[in-house]
Amino acid sequence: MVRWISLFVVVLVIGFFAYIKINNRPPEGLGVTAELLKPCPTSPNCVSSQAEKSDAAHYIEPIIYHGSRMDTQLSIESYFLNQGNAQIINSQLGYVHIQVKSRYLGFIDDVEFYLPEADSIVDVRSASRVGYSDLDVNRDRIEKLRSYLAH
C-alpha cells in the first residue's frame, strides 16, 4: 500500500513539473503596439498601468520618473539583474522585457516596461505565465521597483 502511495506521489510530482514546463512558454504579442502593451488576461495574475482604472484587479499606477529616460531604463534593468532571478529578454531605448523566475518552483513572470519618449512615465505590465492567482506577487514587484526608483 505504501509503495502504491509513493508511486502515486512521484507520478503527481513528475506530472506537475511536466505541466509547468509545457505551459511555461513565452506568451505571444508582448512588446509595444501603437504605444500599448499587451492587455492583461482575465485572471488576476497580471497588473498593468494601461488597464482601466476601474479594473482594481489589474490596474496599477504608472511609474513617474525624474531625470533621463535612458538613466531610468538602466536603473530598472540593473534593479532586476541585481535580484539574481531575472533575465533581460529584450532591451531597446523605451522598452524592456524581463523574465523573472520564482525561486522555488521556477515559475516565470514576464515584466515589461514602456517609457514613451514624450512623457516622464513608465508604463508597466507584469504577468504570470501559468496559474490563476499570483498572491499579488506581480503587484508587489512593481511597487518595490517604484519605491527603489523614488530614492
Protein backbone atom coordinates (compact mmCIF):
# COMPACT_ATOMS: atom_id res chain seq x y z
CA MET A 1 0.00 0.00 0.00
CA VAL A 2 2.75 2.46 0.97
CA ARG A 3 4.56 1.57 -2.25
CA TRP A 4 1.48 2.49 -4.34
CA ILE A 5 1.06 5.76 -2.50
CA SER A 6 4.73 6.59 -3.04
CA LEU A 7 4.41 5.78 -6.73
CA PHE A 8 1.28 7.94 -6.97
CA VAL A 9 3.07 10.89 -5.33
CA VAL A 10 6.05 10.53 -7.70
CA VAL A 11 3.73 10.46 -10.73
CA LEU A 12 1.91 13.57 -9.44
CA VAL A 13 5.17 15.47 -8.91
CA ILE A 14 6.51 14.50 -12.35
CA GLY A 15 3.17 15.45 -13.93
CA PHE A 16 3.16 18.80 -12.15
CA PHE A 17 6.62 19.73 -13.38
CA ALA A 18 5.85 18.48 -16.90
CA TYR A 19 2.72 20.68 -16.89
CA ILE A 20 4.76 23.70 -15.78
CA LYS A 21 7.43 23.10 -18.43
CA ILE A 22 4.87 22.70 -21.23
CA ASN A 23 2.75 25.68 -20.16
CA ASN A 24 5.65 27.98 -19.29
CA ARG A 25 6.26 29.13 -22.85
CA PRO A 26 6.59 32.86 -23.58
CA PRO A 27 3.25 34.41 -24.48
CA GLU A 28 2.74 35.85 -27.93
CA GLY A 29 2.11 39.52 -28.51
CA LEU A 30 4.48 41.02 -25.97
CA GLY A 31 6.01 44.37 -26.81
CA VAL A 32 4.56 47.75 -27.68
CA THR A 33 1.99 48.10 -30.44
CA ALA A 34 0.59 51.55 -31.14
CA GLU A 35 2.00 52.71 -27.76
CA LEU A 36 0.16 49.92 -25.91
CA LEU A 37 1.41 46.92 -24.00
CA LYS A 38 -0.49 43.64 -24.30
CA PRO A 39 -3.70 43.70 -22.20
CA CYS A 40 -3.89 41.55 -19.09
CA PRO A 41 -5.83 38.30 -19.28
CA THR A 42 -8.99 37.98 -17.20
CA SER A 43 -7.16 36.04 -14.46
CA PRO A 44 -5.93 38.13 -11.51
CA ASN A 45 -2.23 37.28 -12.01
CA CYS A 46 -1.31 40.34 -14.05
CA VAL A 47 -1.03 44.07 -13.41
CA SER A 48 -0.78 46.83 -16.00
CA SER A 49 -0.67 50.59 -15.87
CA GLN A 50 -2.61 50.58 -19.12
CA ALA A 51 -5.57 48.63 -17.72
CA GLU A 52 -8.75 50.59 -16.99
CA LYS A 53 -8.53 52.42 -13.66
CA SER A 54 -11.85 50.84 -12.68
CA ASP A 55 -10.26 47.36 -13.03
CA ALA A 56 -8.94 47.05 -9.47
CA ALA A 57 -7.59 43.53 -10.04
CA HIS A 58 -5.31 44.59 -12.89
CA TYR A 59 -4.72 48.34 -12.75
CA ILE A 60 -1.56 49.75 -11.23
CA GLU A 61 -0.35 53.35 -11.45
CA PRO A 62 2.40 54.04 -13.97
CA ILE A 63 5.78 54.96 -12.52
CA ILE A 64 6.63 58.65 -12.72
CA TYR A 65 10.33 59.39 -13.03
CA HIS A 66 12.58 62.43 -12.92
CA GLY A 67 15.79 62.55 -14.89
CA SER A 68 16.59 61.00 -18.21
CA ARG A 69 14.68 58.27 -19.93
CA MET A 70 17.86 56.27 -20.55
CA ASP A 71 19.05 56.51 -16.93
CA THR A 72 15.62 55.40 -15.71
CA GLN A 73 15.61 52.43 -18.04
CA LEU A 74 19.14 51.46 -16.97
CA SER A 75 18.08 51.72 -13.32
CA ILE A 76 15.13 49.40 -13.99
CA GLU A 77 17.36 46.88 -15.74
CA SER A 78 20.05 46.92 -13.06
CA TYR A 79 17.45 46.63 -10.29
CA PHE A 80 16.12 43.40 -11.77
CA LEU A 81 19.51 41.96 -12.67
CA ASN A 82 20.68 42.53 -9.09
CA GLN A 83 17.77 40.38 -7.85
CA GLY A 84 19.56 37.31 -9.21
CA ASN A 85 16.48 35.66 -10.71
CA ALA A 86 15.86 37.88 -13.73
CA GLN A 87 16.93 37.86 -17.33
CA ILE A 88 16.60 40.67 -19.87
CA ILE A 89 14.94 39.29 -22.98
CA ASN A 90 14.60 42.50 -24.99
CA SER A 91 16.03 45.93 -24.34
CA GLN A 92 15.87 48.92 -26.61
CA LEU A 93 15.59 52.54 -25.62
CA GLY A 94 11.99 52.96 -24.45
CA TYR A 95 11.13 49.27 -23.97
CA VAL A 96 12.35 46.42 -21.78
CA HIS A 97 11.08 42.85 -21.42
CA ILE A 98 12.41 40.95 -18.42
CA GLN A 99 11.67 37.40 -17.33
CA VAL A 100 11.64 36.81 -13.58
CA LYS A 101 11.82 33.24 -12.30
CA SER A 102 10.35 32.29 -8.93
CA ARG A 103 12.97 30.97 -6.56
CA TYR A 104 11.41 27.64 -5.59
CA LEU A 105 9.23 26.28 -8.38
CA GLY A 106 10.70 28.10 -11.36
CA PHE A 107 7.51 29.87 -12.47
CA ILE A 108 8.30 32.61 -14.97
CA ASP A 109 6.69 36.03 -15.00
CA ASP A 110 7.02 38.43 -17.91
CA VAL A 111 7.65 42.01 -16.85
CA GLU A 112 7.53 44.79 -19.43
CA PHE A 113 8.31 48.47 -19.26
CA TYR A 114 7.43 51.10 -21.83
CA LEU A 115 8.95 54.56 -21.50
CA PRO A 116 7.20 56.82 -24.02
CA GLU A 117 9.53 59.46 -25.40
CA ALA A 118 7.10 62.34 -24.81
CA ASP A 119 6.31 61.62 -21.12
CA SER A 120 8.24 61.05 -17.90
CA ILE A 121 6.31 57.90 -17.05
CA VAL A 122 6.99 54.21 -17.22
CA ASP A 123 4.05 52.08 -18.28
CA VAL A 124 4.33 48.62 -16.76
CA ARG A 125 2.91 45.16 -17.28
CA SER A 126 3.83 42.24 -15.04
CA ALA A 127 2.13 38.91 -15.65
CA SER A 128 2.44 35.29 -14.59
CA ARG A 129 2.61 32.74 -17.39
CA VAL A 130 0.76 29.97 -15.57
CA GLY A 131 -1.79 29.66 -12.82
CA TYR A 132 -4.73 31.79 -11.86
CA SER A 133 -3.81 33.82 -8.80
CA ASP A 134 -0.34 35.11 -8.05
CA LEU A 135 -1.00 36.23 -4.45
CA ASP A 136 -0.14 39.80 -5.54
CA VAL A 137 3.45 38.89 -6.49
CA ASN A 138 3.28 40.97 -9.68
CA ARG A 139 1.78 44.00 -7.94
CA ASP A 140 4.34 43.80 -5.11
CA ARG A 141 7.17 43.53 -7.64
CA ILE A 142 6.16 46.78 -9.34
CA GLU A 143 5.56 48.60 -6.05
CA LYS A 144 9.05 47.60 -4.83
CA LEU A 145 10.53 48.91 -8.07
CA ARG A 146 8.55 52.14 -7.67
CA SER A 147 9.99 52.59 -4.19
CA TYR A 148 13.50 51.83 -5.44
CA LEU A 149 13.27 54.39 -8.23
CA ALA A 150 11.93 57.05 -5.85
CA HIS A 151 15.19 57.04 -3.86
